[in-house]
Amino acid sequence: MLLDDRGRVWAECPTGGGSDDLVLPLVFAREEAVSVRGLAEQGVRLTHVGWVR
């Protein structure tokens, strides 16, 4: 799990497609996974706060 600097919680989203850099907002609704790198490019800083299986 990750916490960004805006107070939102994200869950890492492992994939079989070779990309280990996807995260989902911890509000699992219609949202799609987004790239950690893409968030960083938007200026969002993420901090690991735990892991989810």
N, C-alpha and C. Protein backbone atom coordinates (compact mmCIF):
# COMPACT_ATOMS: atom_id res chain seq x y z
N MET A 1 0.85 -1.17 0.00
CA MET A 1 0.00 0.00 0.00
C MET A 1 0.89 1.23 0.00
N LEU A 2 0.38 2.27 -0.61
CA LEU A 2 1.12 3.52 -0.71
C LEU A 2 0.22 4.67 -0.26
N LEU A 3 0.83 5.67 0.32
CA LEU A 3 0.13 6.89 0.71
C LEU A 3 0.77 8.02 -0.05
N ASP A 4 -0.05 8.80 -0.79
CA ASP A 4 0.55 9.92 -1.51
C ASP A 4 0.51 11.18 -0.65
N ASP A 5 1.17 12.22 -1.14
CA ASP A 5 1.28 13.44 -0.37
C ASP A 5 -0.02 14.24 -0.31
N ARG A 6 -1.07 13.73 -0.94
CA ARG A 6 -2.39 14.37 -0.88
C ARG A 6 -3.33 13.61 0.05
N GLY A 7 -2.81 12.55 0.73
CA GLY A 7 -3.60 11.79 1.67
C GLY A 7 -4.39 10.63 1.08
N ARG A 8 -4.20 10.36 -0.21
CA ARG A 8 -4.90 9.24 -0.84
C ARG A 8 -4.10 7.96 -0.67
N VAL A 9 -4.81 6.85 -0.50
CA VAL A 9 -4.17 5.54 -0.33
C VAL A 9 -4.27 4.78 -1.64
N TRP A 10 -3.17 4.12 -2.01
CA TRP A 10 -3.09 3.36 -3.25
C TRP A 10 -2.67 1.94 -2.95
N ALA A 11 -3.14 0.99 -3.75
CA ALA A 11 -2.75 -0.41 -3.63
C ALA A 11 -1.94 -0.78 -4.87
N GLU A 12 -0.82 -1.45 -4.68
CA GLU A 12 -0.03 -1.90 -5.81
C GLU A 12 -0.82 -2.96 -6.58
N CYS A 13 -0.68 -2.96 -7.88
CA CYS A 13 -1.47 -3.81 -8.75
C CYS A 13 -0.53 -4.69 -9.58
N PRO A 14 -0.16 -5.88 -9.06
CA PRO A 14 0.74 -6.74 -9.83
C PRO A 14 0.06 -7.23 -11.10
N THR A 15 0.83 -7.31 -12.16
CA THR A 15 0.28 -7.78 -13.44
C THR A 15 1.19 -8.85 -14.01
N GLY A 16 0.66 -9.63 -14.90
CA GLY A 16 1.46 -10.62 -15.59
C GLY A 16 2.05 -10.09 -16.87
N GLY A 17 1.74 -8.85 -17.20
CA GLY A 17 2.18 -8.27 -18.45
C GLY A 17 3.55 -7.63 -18.41
N GLY A 18 4.28 -7.80 -17.31
CA GLY A 18 5.63 -7.26 -17.24
C GLY A 18 5.74 -5.89 -16.61
N SER A 19 4.63 -5.22 -16.34
CA SER A 19 4.70 -3.90 -15.71
C SER A 19 4.42 -4.05 -14.22
N ASP A 20 5.43 -3.74 -13.41
CA ASP A 20 5.28 -3.81 -11.97
C ASP A 20 5.04 -2.43 -11.39
N ASP A 21 4.64 -1.48 -12.22
CA ASP A 21 4.61 -0.11 -11.76
C ASP A 21 3.19 0.45 -11.73
N LEU A 22 2.16 -0.42 -11.62
CA LEU A 22 0.78 0.04 -11.61
C LEU A 22 0.21 0.07 -10.20
N VAL A 23 -0.63 1.07 -9.93
CA VAL A 23 -1.30 1.19 -8.64
C VAL A 23 -2.78 1.49 -8.86
N LEU A 24 -3.60 1.11 -7.88
CA LEU A 24 -5.03 1.41 -7.90
C LEU A 24 -5.35 2.26 -6.68
N PRO A 25 -6.24 3.25 -6.83
CA PRO A 25 -6.69 3.96 -5.65
C PRO A 25 -7.38 2.97 -4.72
N LEU A 26 -7.28 3.16 -3.42
CA LEU A 26 -7.86 2.20 -2.50
C LEU A 26 -9.37 2.34 -2.41
N VAL A 27 -9.96 3.09 -3.30
CA VAL A 27 -11.40 3.12 -3.46
C VAL A 27 -11.66 2.33 -4.73
N PHE A 28 -11.89 1.04 -4.57
CA PHE A 28 -12.04 0.18 -5.74
C PHE A 28 -13.45 0.32 -6.31
N ALA A 29 -13.56 1.14 -7.31
CA ALA A 29 -14.84 1.36 -7.97
C ALA A 29 -14.59 1.26 -9.46
N ARG A 30 -14.73 2.36 -10.18
CA ARG A 30 -14.54 2.35 -11.62
C ARG A 30 -13.12 2.71 -12.02
N GLU A 31 -12.32 3.10 -11.06
CA GLU A 31 -10.97 3.55 -11.36
C GLU A 31 -10.15 2.47 -12.05
N GLU A 32 -9.24 2.89 -12.88
CA GLU A 32 -8.32 1.98 -13.53
C GLU A 32 -6.94 2.18 -12.93
N ALA A 33 -6.12 1.17 -13.03
CA ALA A 33 -4.75 1.28 -12.54
C ALA A 33 -4.01 2.36 -13.33
N VAL A 34 -3.14 3.07 -12.63
CA VAL A 34 -2.34 4.11 -13.26
C VAL A 34 -0.87 3.82 -12.97
N SER A 35 -0.01 4.38 -13.75
CA SER A 35 1.42 4.16 -13.62
C SER A 35 1.99 4.98 -12.46
N VAL A 36 2.83 4.34 -11.65
CA VAL A 36 3.53 5.04 -10.58
C VAL A 36 4.38 6.15 -11.20
N ARG A 37 5.03 5.82 -12.29
CA ARG A 37 5.86 6.81 -12.99
C ARG A 37 5.01 8.00 -13.45
N GLY A 38 3.81 7.71 -13.96
CA GLY A 38 2.92 8.79 -14.39
C GLY A 38 2.51 9.70 -13.24
N LEU A 39 2.24 9.10 -12.08
CA LEU A 39 1.92 9.92 -10.90
C LEU A 39 3.10 10.79 -10.51
N ALA A 40 4.31 10.21 -10.56
CA ALA A 40 5.51 10.97 -10.21
C ALA A 40 5.69 12.15 -11.17
N GLU A 41 5.39 11.93 -12.44
CA GLU A 41 5.50 13.01 -13.42
C GLU A 41 4.50 14.13 -13.15
N GLN A 42 3.40 13.79 -12.47
CA GLN A 42 2.41 14.80 -12.08
C GLN A 42 2.78 15.48 -10.76
N GLY A 43 3.90 15.05 -10.17
CA GLY A 43 4.35 15.65 -8.92
C GLY A 43 3.82 14.97 -7.67
N VAL A 44 3.15 13.81 -7.81
CA VAL A 44 2.63 13.08 -6.66
C VAL A 44 3.76 12.26 -6.05
N ARG A 45 3.96 12.39 -4.74
CA ARG A 45 4.97 11.61 -4.03
C ARG A 45 4.28 10.50 -3.26
N LEU A 46 4.75 9.26 -3.41
CA LEU A 46 4.14 8.10 -2.76
C LEU A 46 5.07 7.58 -1.66
N THR A 47 4.46 7.10 -0.56
CA THR A 47 5.20 6.52 0.55
C THR A 47 4.60 5.15 0.86
N HIS A 48 5.43 4.09 0.91
CA HIS A 48 4.94 2.76 1.27
C HIS A 48 4.46 2.77 2.71
N VAL A 49 3.24 2.26 2.95
CA VAL A 49 2.71 2.16 4.31
C VAL A 49 2.32 0.72 4.64
N GLY A 50 2.43 -0.21 3.68
CA GLY A 50 2.09 -1.61 3.93
C GLY A 50 1.94 -2.34 2.62
N TRP A 51 1.61 -3.64 2.73
CA TRP A 51 1.43 -4.48 1.54
C TRP A 51 0.09 -5.17 1.62
N VAL A 52 -0.49 -5.45 0.45
CA VAL A 52 -1.77 -6.13 0.36
C VAL A 52 -1.57 -7.36 -0.54
N ARG A 53 -2.19 -8.46 -0.17
CA ARG A 53 -2.13 -9.67 -1.01
C ARG A 53 -3.46 -9.96 -1.59
